[in-house]
């Protein structure tokens, strides 16, 4: 019996050792750290935390990827782009399609790109909290965020909880519309 316990103990130690040898690298670590920093900042102002929005994250990644070839110059807060226009991003409709985002769900969102050499975390966070971008980060109408980075570019896409700023996918929008149109019809059948 003692031999079985000892063998089990050795196997557990061997697995733990092997797991420690394998380096784990999370590609989203910079983005997750920024979102955590933004939420800590919002918490210090007694604002609700931003929730992670998958579609907005996809769009942020795609925009960051598109911007990686642009020169890294000082980012001016005027670069905030309302989600529905995408005027700075020539491939905006293509990016929305790639991320399966219904364009009608982006009008109330905002895109905040910043460029920081080597994406130094404290400088990136400062670009969002100590510049003109802070007015968007401080705004309670924004309830969600997607974050993406590429080279020296970090992009935050802020979303709302409204249909016009949720960055919902086309499938979600279709289900939402069907539900809103079919519910009254089904209710009518049950009343008759």
N, C-alpha and C. Protein backbone atom coordinates (compact mmCIF):
# COMPACT_ATOMS: atom_id res chain seq x y z
N UNK A 1 0.82 -1.20 0.00
CA UNK A 1 0.00 0.00 0.00
C UNK A 1 0.86 1.25 0.00
N UNK A 2 1.92 1.24 0.79
CA UNK A 2 2.82 2.39 0.86
C UNK A 2 3.52 2.61 -0.47
N UNK A 3 3.80 1.53 -1.18
CA UNK A 3 4.46 1.63 -2.48
C UNK A 3 3.55 2.33 -3.48
N UNK A 4 2.25 2.04 -3.45
CA UNK A 4 1.30 2.68 -4.37
C UNK A 4 1.22 4.18 -4.08
N UNK A 5 1.18 4.55 -2.81
CA UNK A 5 1.13 5.97 -2.45
C UNK A 5 2.40 6.68 -2.88
N UNK A 6 3.54 6.01 -2.69
CA UNK A 6 4.82 6.59 -3.08
C UNK A 6 4.89 6.75 -4.60
N UNK A 7 4.43 5.76 -5.35
CA UNK A 7 4.42 5.83 -6.82
C UNK A 7 3.52 6.97 -7.29
N UNK A 8 2.35 7.08 -6.67
CA UNK A 8 1.43 8.16 -7.02
C UNK A 8 2.08 9.52 -6.76
N UNK A 9 2.74 9.66 -5.62
CA UNK A 9 3.43 10.89 -5.26
C UNK A 9 4.51 11.23 -6.28
N UNK A 10 5.28 10.25 -6.72
CA UNK A 10 6.33 10.47 -7.71
C UNK A 10 5.73 10.91 -9.05
N UNK A 11 4.64 10.28 -9.46
CA UNK A 11 3.98 10.64 -10.72
C UNK A 11 3.47 12.08 -10.66
N UNK A 12 2.87 12.47 -9.53
CA UNK A 12 2.37 13.84 -9.38
C UNK A 12 3.53 14.83 -9.44
N UNK A 13 4.63 14.53 -8.76
CA UNK A 13 5.80 15.41 -8.80
C UNK A 13 6.38 15.52 -10.20
N UNK A 14 6.43 14.41 -10.91
CA UNK A 14 6.95 14.42 -12.27
C UNK A 14 6.09 15.28 -13.18
N UNK A 15 4.78 15.16 -13.07
CA UNK A 15 3.88 15.99 -13.87
C UNK A 15 4.05 17.47 -13.54
N UNK A 16 4.13 17.78 -12.26
CA UNK A 16 4.31 19.18 -11.85
C UNK A 16 5.62 19.73 -12.40
N UNK A 17 6.68 18.94 -12.34
CA UNK A 17 7.98 19.36 -12.86
C UNK A 17 7.92 19.60 -14.36
N UNK A 18 7.28 18.69 -15.09
CA UNK A 18 7.17 18.85 -16.54
C UNK A 18 6.33 20.07 -16.91
N UNK A 19 5.29 20.32 -16.15
CA UNK A 19 4.47 21.50 -16.42
C UNK A 19 5.25 22.79 -16.20
N UNK A 20 6.14 22.79 -15.23
CA UNK A 20 6.95 23.98 -14.97
C UNK A 20 8.00 24.20 -16.05
N UNK A 21 8.42 23.13 -16.71
CA UNK A 21 9.42 23.25 -17.77
C UNK A 21 8.86 23.87 -19.04
N UNK A 22 7.58 23.68 -19.28
CA UNK A 22 6.96 24.17 -20.51
C UNK A 22 6.60 25.63 -20.31
N UNK A 23 7.24 26.52 -21.08
CA UNK A 23 6.90 27.93 -20.92
C UNK A 23 5.50 28.21 -21.47
N UNK A 24 4.74 28.93 -20.72
CA UNK A 24 3.40 29.31 -21.14
C UNK A 24 3.44 30.77 -21.53
N UNK A 25 3.06 31.05 -22.77
CA UNK A 25 3.05 32.44 -23.23
C UNK A 25 1.65 32.81 -23.67
N UNK A 26 1.15 33.84 -23.10
CA UNK A 26 -0.20 34.29 -23.43
C UNK A 26 -0.09 35.50 -24.35
N UNK A 27 -0.57 35.35 -25.59
CA UNK A 27 -0.50 36.45 -26.55
C UNK A 27 -1.32 37.65 -26.10
N UNK A 28 -2.33 37.41 -25.30
CA UNK A 28 -3.22 38.49 -24.89
C UNK A 28 -2.81 39.12 -23.57
N UNK A 29 -1.62 38.82 -23.08
CA UNK A 29 -1.21 39.31 -21.77
C UNK A 29 -1.18 40.83 -21.71
N UNK A 30 -0.62 41.48 -22.73
CA UNK A 30 -0.57 42.95 -22.74
C UNK A 30 -1.97 43.54 -22.73
N UNK A 31 -2.85 42.95 -23.54
CA UNK A 31 -4.22 43.45 -23.62
C UNK A 31 -4.96 43.24 -22.31
N UNK A 32 -4.81 42.06 -21.72
CA UNK A 32 -5.48 41.78 -20.44
C UNK A 32 -4.96 42.70 -19.34
N UNK A 33 -3.66 42.96 -19.35
CA UNK A 33 -3.09 43.87 -18.34
C UNK A 33 -3.62 45.28 -18.52
N UNK A 34 -3.77 45.72 -19.77
CA UNK A 34 -4.31 47.06 -20.00
C UNK A 34 -5.76 47.14 -19.53
N UNK A 35 -6.56 46.15 -19.87
CA UNK A 35 -7.96 46.17 -19.43
C UNK A 35 -8.04 46.16 -17.90
N UNK A 36 -7.19 45.38 -17.27
CA UNK A 36 -7.15 45.36 -15.81
C UNK A 36 -6.75 46.74 -15.27
N UNK A 37 -5.77 47.39 -15.91
CA UNK A 37 -5.35 48.72 -15.49
C UNK A 37 -6.45 49.76 -15.68
N UNK A 38 -7.16 49.67 -16.81
CA UNK A 38 -8.28 50.59 -17.06
C UNK A 38 -9.37 50.38 -16.02
N UNK A 39 -9.64 49.12 -15.67
CA UNK A 39 -10.67 48.85 -14.67
C UNK A 39 -10.24 49.30 -13.28
N UNK A 40 -8.96 49.19 -12.97
CA UNK A 40 -8.47 49.72 -11.68
C UNK A 40 -8.62 51.23 -11.64
N UNK A 41 -8.31 51.87 -12.75
CA UNK A 41 -8.47 53.32 -12.86
C UNK A 41 -9.94 53.70 -12.68
N UNK A 42 -10.83 53.00 -13.39
CA UNK A 42 -12.26 53.29 -13.27
C UNK A 42 -12.75 53.02 -11.84
N UNK A 43 -12.24 51.97 -11.23
CA UNK A 43 -12.61 51.65 -9.85
C UNK A 43 -12.21 52.78 -8.91
N UNK A 44 -11.04 53.37 -9.14
CA UNK A 44 -10.59 54.47 -8.29
C UNK A 44 -11.50 55.69 -8.41
N UNK A 45 -12.21 55.77 -9.53
CA UNK A 45 -13.18 56.87 -9.74
C UNK A 45 -14.60 56.43 -9.38
N UNK A 46 -14.71 55.23 -8.81
CA UNK A 46 -16.00 54.64 -8.44
C UNK A 46 -16.91 54.45 -9.65
N UNK A 47 -16.31 54.04 -10.77
CA UNK A 47 -17.05 53.72 -11.99
C UNK A 47 -17.08 52.21 -12.14
N UNK A 48 -18.12 51.68 -12.78
CA UNK A 48 -18.18 50.22 -12.98
C UNK A 48 -17.08 49.75 -13.93
N UNK A 49 -16.67 48.52 -13.74
CA UNK A 49 -15.63 47.93 -14.58
C UNK A 49 -16.14 47.70 -16.00
N UNK A 50 -15.22 47.76 -16.94
CA UNK A 50 -15.53 47.42 -18.33
C UNK A 50 -15.45 45.91 -18.48
N UNK A 51 -16.44 45.33 -19.14
CA UNK A 51 -16.39 43.89 -19.38
C UNK A 51 -15.73 43.63 -20.73
N UNK A 52 -15.13 42.48 -20.85
CA UNK A 52 -14.45 42.11 -22.08
C UNK A 52 -15.48 41.78 -23.14
N UNK A 53 -15.37 42.42 -24.32
CA UNK A 53 -16.29 42.21 -25.43
C UNK A 53 -15.53 41.51 -26.55
N UNK A 54 -15.93 40.29 -26.86
CA UNK A 54 -15.21 39.45 -27.82
C UNK A 54 -15.15 40.09 -29.22
N UNK A 55 -16.28 40.57 -29.72
CA UNK A 55 -16.28 41.17 -31.06
C UNK A 55 -15.45 42.45 -31.10
N UNK A 56 -15.55 43.27 -30.06
CA UNK A 56 -14.75 44.49 -30.00
C UNK A 56 -13.27 44.14 -29.91
N UNK A 57 -12.94 43.06 -29.21
CA UNK A 57 -11.56 42.60 -29.13
C UNK A 57 -11.03 42.18 -30.49
N UNK A 58 -11.86 41.48 -31.25
CA UNK A 58 -11.48 41.09 -32.60
C UNK A 58 -11.21 42.32 -33.45
N UNK A 59 -12.12 43.30 -33.38
CA UNK A 59 -11.94 44.52 -34.17
C UNK A 59 -10.69 45.28 -33.73
N UNK A 60 -10.45 45.36 -32.44
CA UNK A 60 -9.25 46.04 -31.93
C UNK A 60 -7.99 45.35 -32.46
N UNK A 61 -7.98 44.02 -32.46
CA UNK A 61 -6.83 43.28 -33.00
C UNK A 61 -6.63 43.57 -34.48
N UNK A 62 -7.72 43.58 -35.23
CA UNK A 62 -7.64 43.81 -36.67
C UNK A 62 -7.16 45.24 -36.98
N UNK A 63 -7.65 46.21 -36.22
CA UNK A 63 -7.23 47.60 -36.44
C UNK A 63 -5.76 47.76 -36.07
N UNK A 64 -5.35 47.16 -34.95
CA UNK A 64 -3.94 47.23 -34.56
C UNK A 64 -3.06 46.60 -35.63
N UNK A 65 -3.51 45.49 -36.19
CA UNK A 65 -2.76 44.83 -37.25
C UNK A 65 -2.65 45.72 -38.48
N UNK A 66 -3.74 46.42 -38.79
CA UNK A 66 -3.74 47.34 -39.94
C UNK A 66 -2.81 48.52 -39.70
N UNK A 67 -2.71 48.97 -38.45
CA UNK A 67 -1.93 50.17 -38.14
C UNK A 67 -0.45 49.89 -37.91
N UNK A 68 -0.07 48.63 -37.78
CA UNK A 68 1.33 48.31 -37.44
C UNK A 68 2.34 48.88 -38.42
N UNK A 69 1.94 49.10 -39.66
CA UNK A 69 2.86 49.64 -40.65
C UNK A 69 2.88 51.17 -40.68
N UNK A 70 1.98 51.80 -39.92
CA UNK A 70 1.97 53.26 -39.83
C UNK A 70 3.08 53.69 -38.88
N UNK A 71 3.71 54.83 -39.18
CA UNK A 71 4.77 55.31 -38.27
C UNK A 71 4.19 55.63 -36.89
N UNK A 72 5.00 55.36 -35.89
CA UNK A 72 4.59 55.62 -34.51
C UNK A 72 4.92 57.07 -34.19
N UNK A 73 3.90 57.89 -34.21
CA UNK A 73 4.06 59.31 -33.84
C UNK A 73 3.19 59.54 -32.63
N UNK A 74 3.40 60.67 -31.99
CA UNK A 74 2.61 60.99 -30.80
C UNK A 74 1.13 60.90 -31.13
N UNK A 75 0.41 60.15 -30.34
CA UNK A 75 -1.02 59.98 -30.56
C UNK A 75 -1.75 61.16 -29.96
N UNK A 76 -2.60 61.74 -30.76
CA UNK A 76 -3.39 62.88 -30.33
C UNK A 76 -4.78 62.38 -29.96
N UNK A 77 -5.31 62.79 -28.83
CA UNK A 77 -6.63 62.31 -28.43
C UNK A 77 -7.71 62.53 -29.48
N UNK A 78 -7.51 63.44 -30.42
CA UNK A 78 -8.49 63.64 -31.47
C UNK A 78 -8.62 62.41 -32.35
N UNK A 79 -7.72 61.42 -32.20
CA UNK A 79 -7.78 60.22 -33.01
C UNK A 79 -8.89 59.27 -32.60
N UNK A 80 -9.63 59.61 -31.56
CA UNK A 80 -10.75 58.77 -31.18
C UNK A 80 -11.74 58.76 -32.33
N UNK A 81 -12.18 57.58 -32.69
CA UNK A 81 -13.07 57.45 -33.83
C UNK A 81 -14.37 56.81 -33.37
N UNK A 82 -15.49 57.51 -33.61
CA UNK A 82 -16.76 56.85 -33.30
C UNK A 82 -16.84 55.54 -34.06
N UNK A 83 -17.30 54.51 -33.40
CA UNK A 83 -17.33 53.18 -33.99
C UNK A 83 -18.06 53.10 -35.31
N UNK A 84 -19.11 53.85 -35.46
CA UNK A 84 -19.92 53.72 -36.67
C UNK A 84 -19.29 54.32 -37.91
N UNK A 85 -18.32 55.20 -37.77
CA UNK A 85 -17.77 55.83 -38.96
C UNK A 85 -16.55 55.12 -39.48
N UNK A 86 -15.60 54.81 -38.61
CA UNK A 86 -14.39 54.14 -39.04
C UNK A 86 -13.63 54.93 -40.09
N UNK A 87 -13.74 56.26 -40.04
CA UNK A 87 -13.18 57.10 -41.10
C UNK A 87 -11.68 56.96 -41.25
N UNK A 88 -10.96 56.68 -40.18
CA UNK A 88 -9.51 56.56 -40.28
C UNK A 88 -9.08 55.21 -40.83
N UNK A 89 -9.97 54.26 -40.86
CA UNK A 89 -9.61 52.91 -41.24
C UNK A 89 -10.27 52.57 -42.57
N UNK A 90 -9.49 52.57 -43.63
CA UNK A 90 -10.03 52.37 -44.96
C UNK A 90 -10.73 51.03 -45.12
N UNK A 91 -10.27 50.03 -44.41
CA UNK A 91 -10.86 48.70 -44.51
C UNK A 91 -11.90 48.43 -43.43
N UNK A 92 -12.47 49.47 -42.85
CA UNK A 92 -13.39 49.31 -41.73
C UNK A 92 -14.53 48.34 -42.03
N UNK A 93 -15.23 48.47 -43.15
CA UNK A 93 -16.31 47.50 -43.43
C UNK A 93 -15.78 46.06 -43.53
N UNK A 94 -14.62 45.90 -44.13
CA UNK A 94 -14.01 44.56 -44.25
C UNK A 94 -13.65 44.01 -42.87
N UNK A 95 -13.13 44.89 -41.99
CA UNK A 95 -12.77 44.46 -40.64
C UNK A 95 -14.01 44.06 -39.85
N UNK A 96 -15.10 44.81 -40.00
CA UNK A 96 -16.35 44.45 -39.32
C UNK A 96 -16.84 43.09 -39.80
N UNK A 97 -16.76 42.87 -41.11
CA UNK A 97 -17.21 41.60 -41.67
C UNK A 97 -16.33 40.45 -41.16
N UNK A 98 -15.03 40.68 -41.12
CA UNK A 98 -14.10 39.64 -40.65
C UNK A 98 -14.40 39.25 -39.20
N UNK A 99 -14.78 40.24 -38.39
CA UNK A 99 -15.10 39.98 -36.98
C UNK A 99 -16.57 39.64 -36.77
N UNK A 100 -17.31 39.53 -37.86
CA UNK A 100 -18.74 39.18 -37.82
C UNK A 100 -19.54 40.16 -36.96
N UNK A 101 -19.24 41.46 -37.15
CA UNK A 101 -19.93 42.51 -36.40
C UNK A 101 -20.94 43.20 -37.31
N UNK A 102 -22.14 43.33 -36.82
CA UNK A 102 -23.17 44.06 -37.55
C UNK A 102 -22.83 45.56 -37.46
N UNK A 103 -22.65 46.24 -38.60
CA UNK A 103 -22.30 47.67 -38.57
C UNK A 103 -23.30 48.53 -37.79
N UNK A 104 -24.56 48.10 -37.75
CA UNK A 104 -25.58 48.87 -37.01
C UNK A 104 -25.38 48.84 -35.51
N UNK A 105 -24.49 47.97 -35.04
CA UNK A 105 -24.26 47.87 -33.59
C UNK A 105 -22.98 48.58 -33.15
N UNK A 106 -22.42 49.44 -34.03
CA UNK A 106 -21.16 50.10 -33.71
C UNK A 106 -21.25 51.61 -33.57
N UNK A 107 -22.40 52.19 -33.88
CA UNK A 107 -22.51 53.65 -33.93
C UNK A 107 -22.20 54.34 -32.62
N UNK A 108 -22.51 53.72 -31.49
CA UNK A 108 -22.29 54.37 -30.20
C UNK A 108 -20.97 54.00 -29.56
N UNK A 109 -20.19 53.16 -30.23
CA UNK A 109 -18.89 52.76 -29.70
C UNK A 109 -17.82 53.76 -30.08
N UNK A 110 -16.62 53.53 -29.59
CA UNK A 110 -15.50 54.43 -29.89
C UNK A 110 -14.22 53.61 -30.03
N UNK A 111 -13.36 54.03 -30.94
CA UNK A 111 -12.09 53.35 -31.17
C UNK A 111 -10.98 54.30 -30.73
N UNK A 112 -10.11 53.81 -29.85
CA UNK A 112 -9.04 54.62 -29.29
C UNK A 112 -7.68 53.99 -29.58
N UNK A 113 -7.01 54.42 -30.65
CA UNK A 113 -5.68 53.87 -30.94
C UNK A 113 -4.57 54.73 -30.32
N UNK A 114 -3.58 54.08 -29.74
CA UNK A 114 -2.41 54.80 -29.25
C UNK A 114 -1.16 54.07 -29.73
N UNK A 115 -0.09 54.83 -29.87
CA UNK A 115 1.18 54.27 -30.27
C UNK A 115 2.21 54.61 -29.20
N UNK A 116 2.81 53.57 -28.65
CA UNK A 116 3.83 53.73 -27.62
C UNK A 116 4.97 52.78 -27.97
N UNK A 117 6.14 53.31 -28.12
CA UNK A 117 7.29 52.49 -28.47
C UNK A 117 7.46 51.34 -27.48
N UNK A 118 7.51 50.13 -27.99
CA UNK A 118 7.67 48.89 -27.22
C UNK A 118 6.51 48.63 -26.25
N UNK A 119 5.42 49.35 -26.41
CA UNK A 119 4.22 49.18 -25.58
C UNK A 119 4.53 49.07 -24.10
N UNK A 120 5.30 50.03 -23.60
CA UNK A 120 5.62 50.08 -22.17
C UNK A 120 4.29 50.23 -21.42
N UNK A 121 3.94 49.25 -20.57
CA UNK A 121 2.61 49.21 -19.95
C UNK A 121 2.19 50.49 -19.24
N UNK A 122 3.07 51.09 -18.45
CA UNK A 122 2.68 52.31 -17.72
C UNK A 122 2.42 53.47 -18.68
N UNK A 123 3.19 53.54 -19.76
CA UNK A 123 2.97 54.61 -20.74
C UNK A 123 1.69 54.39 -21.53
N UNK A 124 1.39 53.14 -21.84
CA UNK A 124 0.15 52.85 -22.56
C UNK A 124 -1.04 53.24 -21.69
N UNK A 125 -1.03 52.82 -20.44
CA UNK A 125 -2.13 53.16 -19.53
C UNK A 125 -2.25 54.67 -19.36
N UNK A 126 -1.12 55.35 -19.25
CA UNK A 126 -1.12 56.81 -19.12
C UNK A 126 -1.74 57.47 -20.35
N UNK A 127 -1.49 56.92 -21.54
CA UNK A 127 -2.07 57.47 -22.76
C UNK A 127 -3.60 57.40 -22.74
N UNK A 128 -4.14 56.44 -22.02
CA UNK A 128 -5.60 56.32 -21.94
C UNK A 128 -6.20 57.07 -20.76
N UNK A 129 -5.43 57.28 -19.70
CA UNK A 129 -6.00 57.86 -18.49
C UNK A 129 -5.59 59.30 -18.23
N UNK A 130 -4.57 59.80 -18.90
CA UNK A 130 -4.07 61.15 -18.62
C UNK A 130 -4.08 62.06 -19.85
N UNK A 131 -4.79 61.65 -20.89
CA UNK A 131 -4.90 62.47 -22.10
C UNK A 131 -6.39 62.71 -22.37
N UNK A 132 -6.69 63.24 -23.50
CA UNK A 132 -8.08 63.45 -23.89
C UNK A 132 -8.88 62.16 -23.98
N UNK A 133 -8.18 61.02 -24.11
CA UNK A 133 -8.89 59.74 -24.14
C UNK A 133 -9.56 59.44 -22.81
N UNK A 134 -9.09 60.04 -21.73
CA UNK A 134 -9.65 59.78 -20.40
C UNK A 134 -11.14 60.11 -20.35
N UNK A 135 -11.58 61.07 -21.11
CA UNK A 135 -13.01 61.41 -21.08
C UNK A 135 -13.87 60.24 -21.55
N UNK A 136 -13.34 59.42 -22.46
CA UNK A 136 -14.07 58.24 -22.90
C UNK A 136 -13.96 57.12 -21.87
N UNK A 137 -12.77 56.94 -21.32
CA UNK A 137 -12.56 55.91 -20.31
C UNK A 137 -13.42 56.21 -19.07
N UNK A 138 -13.60 57.48 -18.76
CA UNK A 138 -14.39 57.90 -17.58
C UNK A 138 -15.90 57.89 -17.82
N UNK A 139 -16.32 57.75 -19.05
CA UNK A 139 -17.74 57.85 -19.40
C UNK A 139 -18.47 56.56 -19.03
N UNK A 140 -19.51 56.69 -18.19
CA UNK A 140 -20.24 55.51 -17.72
C UNK A 140 -21.10 54.87 -18.81
N UNK A 141 -21.30 55.55 -19.93
CA UNK A 141 -22.09 54.91 -20.99
C UNK A 141 -21.32 53.75 -21.62
N UNK A 142 -19.99 53.75 -21.47
CA UNK A 142 -19.20 52.65 -21.99
C UNK A 142 -19.11 51.56 -20.94
N UNK A 143 -19.57 50.37 -21.32
CA UNK A 143 -19.66 49.27 -20.37
C UNK A 143 -18.77 48.09 -20.73
N UNK A 144 -18.27 48.08 -21.95
CA UNK A 144 -17.44 46.97 -22.40
C UNK A 144 -16.24 47.48 -23.18
N UNK A 145 -15.28 46.58 -23.39
CA UNK A 145 -14.08 46.96 -24.13
C UNK A 145 -13.48 45.75 -24.82
N UNK A 146 -12.87 46.04 -25.94
CA UNK A 146 -12.04 45.07 -26.63
C UNK A 146 -10.67 45.70 -26.79
N UNK A 147 -9.63 44.92 -26.60
CA UNK A 147 -8.27 45.46 -26.65
C UNK A 147 -7.44 44.61 -27.61
N UNK A 148 -6.66 45.29 -28.43
CA UNK A 148 -5.77 44.59 -29.35
C UNK A 148 -4.46 45.34 -29.48
N UNK A 149 -3.40 44.62 -29.82
CA UNK A 149 -2.10 45.27 -29.98
C UNK A 149 -1.32 44.60 -31.09
N UNK A 150 -0.45 45.38 -31.68
CA UNK A 150 0.46 44.89 -32.71
C UNK A 150 1.62 45.85 -32.79
N UNK A 151 2.82 45.32 -32.66
CA UNK A 151 4.04 46.12 -32.65
C UNK A 151 3.93 47.22 -31.59
N UNK A 152 3.98 48.49 -32.01
CA UNK A 152 3.91 49.60 -31.06
C UNK A 152 2.50 50.17 -30.89
N UNK A 153 1.51 49.53 -31.49
CA UNK A 153 0.15 50.05 -31.46
C UNK A 153 -0.73 49.27 -30.49
N UNK A 154 -1.50 50.01 -29.72
CA UNK A 154 -2.51 49.43 -28.83
C UNK A 154 -3.83 50.09 -29.21
N UNK A 155 -4.87 49.29 -29.33
CA UNK A 155 -6.19 49.80 -29.70
C UNK A 155 -7.20 49.33 -28.68
N UNK A 156 -7.99 50.28 -28.18
CA UNK A 156 -9.10 49.96 -27.28
C UNK A 156 -10.38 50.33 -28.00
N UNK A 157 -11.31 49.40 -28.06
CA UNK A 157 -12.63 49.67 -28.64
C UNK A 157 -13.61 49.61 -27.49
N UNK A 158 -14.24 50.75 -27.20
CA UNK A 158 -15.21 50.83 -26.10
C UNK A 158 -16.61 50.58 -26.64
N UNK A 159 -17.39 49.80 -25.91
CA UNK A 159 -18.75 49.45 -26.32
C UNK A 159 -19.75 49.92 -25.27
N UNK A 160 -21.00 49.96 -25.68
CA UNK A 160 -22.08 50.31 -24.75
C UNK A 160 -22.98 49.09 -24.57
N UNK A 161 -23.93 49.21 -23.68
CA UNK A 161 -24.89 48.12 -23.49
C UNK A 161 -26.13 48.31 -24.34
N UNK A 162 -26.12 49.32 -25.19
CA UNK A 162 -27.25 49.59 -26.07
C UNK A 162 -27.09 48.82 -27.38
N UNK A 163 -28.19 48.55 -28.08
CA UNK A 163 -28.07 47.86 -29.37
C UNK A 163 -27.17 48.63 -30.36
N UNK A 164 -27.13 49.94 -30.27
CA UNK A 164 -26.33 50.75 -31.19
C UNK A 164 -24.86 50.83 -30.84
N UNK A 165 -24.43 50.19 -29.75
CA UNK A 165 -23.02 50.25 -29.38
C UNK A 165 -22.49 48.96 -28.80
N UNK A 166 -23.22 47.86 -29.02
CA UNK A 166 -22.85 46.58 -28.42
C UNK A 166 -21.80 45.80 -29.21
N UNK A 167 -21.59 46.19 -30.47
CA UNK A 167 -20.68 45.48 -31.37
C UNK A 167 -21.09 44.01 -31.50
N UNK A 168 -22.41 43.80 -31.52
CA UNK A 168 -22.94 42.45 -31.61
C UNK A 168 -22.71 41.87 -33.00
N UNK A 169 -22.67 40.56 -33.05
CA UNK A 169 -22.48 39.89 -34.33
C UNK A 169 -23.78 39.90 -35.11
N UNK A 170 -23.68 39.63 -36.39
CA UNK A 170 -24.87 39.56 -37.24
C UNK A 170 -25.82 38.48 -36.75
N UNK A 171 -25.30 37.36 -36.28
CA UNK A 171 -26.15 36.26 -35.79
C UNK A 171 -26.95 36.70 -34.58
N UNK A 172 -26.32 37.40 -33.65
CA UNK A 172 -27.03 37.87 -32.46
C UNK A 172 -28.11 38.85 -32.86
N UNK A 173 -27.82 39.72 -33.82
CA UNK A 173 -28.78 40.70 -34.27
C UNK A 173 -29.98 40.01 -34.94
N UNK A 174 -29.73 38.97 -35.72
CA UNK A 174 -30.82 38.24 -36.37
C UNK A 174 -31.71 37.60 -35.32
N UNK A 175 -31.12 36.96 -34.31
CA UNK A 175 -31.90 36.33 -33.24
C UNK A 175 -32.71 37.39 -32.49
N UNK A 176 -32.07 38.53 -32.21
CA UNK A 176 -32.74 39.63 -31.50
C UNK A 176 -33.95 40.10 -32.30
N UNK A 177 -33.76 40.30 -33.60
CA UNK A 177 -34.87 40.77 -34.44
C UNK A 177 -35.98 39.73 -34.53
N UNK A 178 -35.61 38.47 -34.72
CA UNK A 178 -36.62 37.41 -34.78
C UNK A 178 -37.43 37.37 -33.48
N UNK A 179 -36.73 37.44 -32.36
CA UNK A 179 -37.40 37.41 -31.07
C UNK A 179 -38.38 38.58 -30.95
N UNK A 180 -37.95 39.77 -31.35
CA UNK A 180 -38.81 40.95 -31.23
C UNK A 180 -40.00 40.91 -32.17
N UNK A 181 -39.84 40.26 -33.34
CA UNK A 181 -40.96 40.20 -34.28
C UNK A 181 -41.87 38.99 -34.03
N UNK A 182 -41.29 37.88 -33.62
CA UNK A 182 -42.09 36.67 -33.43
C UNK A 182 -42.83 36.64 -32.11
N UNK A 183 -42.29 37.27 -31.10
CA UNK A 183 -42.94 37.24 -29.79
C UNK A 183 -44.37 37.80 -29.84
N UNK A 184 -44.61 38.96 -30.46
CA UNK A 184 -45.99 39.46 -30.53
C UNK A 184 -46.91 38.53 -31.33
N UNK A 185 -46.37 37.91 -32.38
CA UNK A 185 -47.17 37.01 -33.19
C UNK A 185 -47.56 35.77 -32.38
N UNK A 186 -46.56 35.20 -31.68
CA UNK A 186 -46.84 34.04 -30.84
C UNK A 186 -47.82 34.39 -29.71
N UNK A 187 -47.67 35.55 -29.15
CA UNK A 187 -48.58 35.98 -28.09
C UNK A 187 -50.00 36.10 -28.65
N UNK A 188 -50.11 36.57 -29.88
CA UNK A 188 -51.42 36.69 -30.53
C UNK A 188 -52.08 35.34 -30.70
N UNK A 189 -51.31 34.30 -31.06
CA UNK A 189 -51.87 32.95 -31.20
C UNK A 189 -52.40 32.42 -29.89
N UNK A 190 -51.70 32.69 -28.82
CA UNK A 190 -52.14 32.19 -27.52
C UNK A 190 -53.35 32.95 -27.00
N UNK A 191 -53.51 34.19 -27.40
CA UNK A 191 -54.66 34.96 -26.95
C UNK A 191 -55.94 34.60 -27.70
N UNK A 192 -55.78 34.08 -28.91
CA UNK A 192 -56.95 33.75 -29.72
C UNK A 192 -57.55 32.47 -29.36
